[in-house]
Structure formats: C-alpha cells, structure tokens
Protein backbone atom coordinates (compact mmCIF):
# COMPACT_ATOMS: atom_id res chain seq x y z
CA MET A 1 5.95 11.82 -58.46
CA ARG A 2 4.77 11.86 -61.81
CA TYR A 3 5.30 14.40 -64.61
CA LEU A 4 4.18 14.99 -67.92
CA LEU A 5 6.90 16.46 -70.00
CA LYS A 6 6.59 18.21 -73.09
CA ALA A 7 10.06 18.88 -74.96
CA ASN A 8 9.36 20.90 -78.19
CA ILE A 9 11.66 20.87 -80.80
CA PRO A 10 12.52 24.11 -82.85
CA ALA A 11 11.50 23.00 -86.51
CA GLU A 12 15.04 24.52 -87.53
CA ASP A 13 16.85 23.13 -85.30
CA GLY A 14 15.10 19.67 -85.42
CA ASN A 15 16.14 19.86 -89.57
CA LYS A 16 19.51 20.45 -88.76
CA ALA A 17 19.69 17.15 -86.24
CA ILE A 18 17.91 14.87 -88.86
CA LYS A 19 20.33 15.88 -91.27
CA ASN A 20 23.57 15.27 -89.08
CA GLY A 21 21.97 12.36 -87.91
CA SER A 22 21.67 13.22 -84.23
CA LEU A 23 18.15 13.43 -83.31
CA GLY A 24 17.58 9.47 -83.22
CA LYS A 25 20.85 8.92 -81.75
CA ASN A 26 20.07 11.74 -78.64
CA MET A 27 16.45 10.76 -78.01
CA LYS A 28 16.93 7.40 -77.81
CA GLU A 29 19.67 8.22 -75.47
CA ILE A 30 17.39 10.41 -73.54
CA ILE A 31 14.74 7.96 -73.33
CA SER A 32 17.07 5.01 -72.06
CA GLU A 33 18.18 7.78 -69.18
CA LEU A 34 15.24 9.21 -68.11
CA LYS A 35 13.27 5.60 -68.78
CA PRO A 36 10.12 7.12 -68.99
CA GLU A 37 6.52 5.18 -68.57
CA ALA A 38 5.12 6.14 -71.33
CA VAL A 39 6.42 8.14 -74.25
CA TYR A 40 4.78 9.78 -77.45
CA PHE A 41 5.74 11.78 -80.34
CA SER A 42 3.44 14.61 -82.48
CA PRO A 43 3.64 17.90 -84.08
CA GLU A 44 2.52 20.75 -82.19
CA ASN A 45 2.51 24.37 -83.41
CA GLY A 46 4.96 23.51 -86.40
CA GLN A 47 7.35 22.20 -83.98
CA ARG A 48 8.38 18.27 -83.30
CA THR A 49 7.06 17.53 -79.64
CA ALA A 50 7.60 14.48 -77.39
CA TYR A 51 5.26 13.86 -74.44
CA MET A 52 7.13 11.84 -72.23
CA ILE A 53 5.72 10.34 -68.25
CA VAL A 54 8.48 11.00 -66.12
CA ASN A 55 9.22 10.31 -62.16
CA PHE A 56 11.06 12.34 -60.11
CA ASN A 57 10.79 12.66 -56.14
CA ASP A 58 13.77 15.43 -55.71
CA ALA A 59 13.44 19.14 -57.42
CA SER A 60 17.16 19.00 -58.32
CA ASP A 61 16.12 16.06 -60.77
CA ILE A 62 14.74 18.76 -62.75
CA VAL A 63 18.35 19.30 -64.41
CA ARG A 64 18.75 15.72 -65.04
CA ILE A 65 15.67 15.83 -66.82
CA ALA A 66 15.38 19.06 -69.14
CA GLU A 67 18.95 19.79 -69.67
CA PRO A 68 19.28 16.96 -72.20
CA PHE A 69 16.50 18.67 -74.43
CA PHE A 70 17.80 22.60 -73.61
CA LEU A 71 21.26 21.13 -74.76
CA ALA A 72 20.56 18.47 -77.61
CA PHE A 73 18.04 20.11 -79.42
CA ASN A 74 17.69 23.97 -78.17
CA ALA A 75 14.11 22.84 -76.82
CA GLU A 76 11.22 24.40 -74.76
CA VAL A 77 10.31 22.26 -71.92
CA GLN A 78 7.24 22.22 -69.56
CA LEU A 79 6.76 19.78 -66.40
CA THR A 80 3.82 19.13 -65.51
CA PRO A 81 2.61 16.95 -62.51
CA VAL A 82 0.04 14.66 -63.42
CA MET A 83 -1.75 11.68 -61.76
CA THR A 84 -3.12 8.61 -62.64
CA PRO A 85 -7.14 7.29 -61.82
CA GLU A 86 -5.77 5.98 -58.42
CA GLY A 87 -4.06 9.32 -56.94
CA LEU A 88 -7.32 10.99 -58.00
CA ASP A 89 -9.26 8.34 -55.75
CA LYS A 90 -6.49 9.47 -53.10
CA GLY A 91 -6.92 12.76 -53.37
CA PHE A 92 -10.62 12.53 -53.34
CA ARG A 93 -10.37 10.85 -50.09
CA ASN A 94 -9.58 14.56 -48.33
CA LEU A 95 -11.95 16.49 -50.78
CA GLU A 96 -14.50 16.57 -47.86
CA THR A 97 -12.62 18.34 -45.48
CA ILE A 98 -11.68 20.53 -48.02
CA VAL A 99 -15.08 21.27 -49.19
CA SER A 100 -16.07 21.89 -45.71
CA LYS A 101 -12.86 24.19 -44.99
CA TYR A 102 -13.22 26.21 -47.70
CA ALA A 103 -16.37 26.32 -49.75
CA GLN A 104 -18.30 28.51 -47.48
CA ARG A 105 -16.38 31.04 -47.39
C-alpha cells in the first residue's frame, strides 16, 4: 500500500546536521534504503520537510520507515495512506453499494 511520508526536521536539529555534514549523507542513505516512488523537499512552517511516497503492506514496516528520521534528524513523521487515479477508480467501483447501504440512513 502507498503512503505519503512527511518528515519535518526541526530547524535546530537540521542546522546541526548541516554543520556536521550528516544531513545530506543520512538523507541519501535513508532514500537508498526506502526506495521511495517519489521524493520532494520543501520548507514548511520554518522546518526542512521531506515528502516521500513509500510502499509497505505490514504495519511492522512503520519502524523501518519512520525510525531513521527520528534517530537521524529528531524529525516529526506522518504517514498518510494515498492512492493513484487507478486506485480511486477501483474504489469507486464499490461506491454504488456503499451509497445504497448508508446514504439513506
């Protein structure tokens, strides 16, 4: 299943990581291990933020995915399930049944 991973790196921790040279090194290593479908970086609310589309099917993978960000950057991590347009189409195939069952209540 696809998830949008958002990792916010506190400014102070990010500054330390840049000064000691570990931010880029650790981020490259994490990306190499997670093999995300897509990766983007942006400032958000005064913090360095990484966005990645990652795939996993077992809840135990949350440890493998989130812990590197916690340990390397003291990051706040959010995982949100997401779908492609094809997934949305597939979900809509069941919509009529769901609507007929619940919309009339």
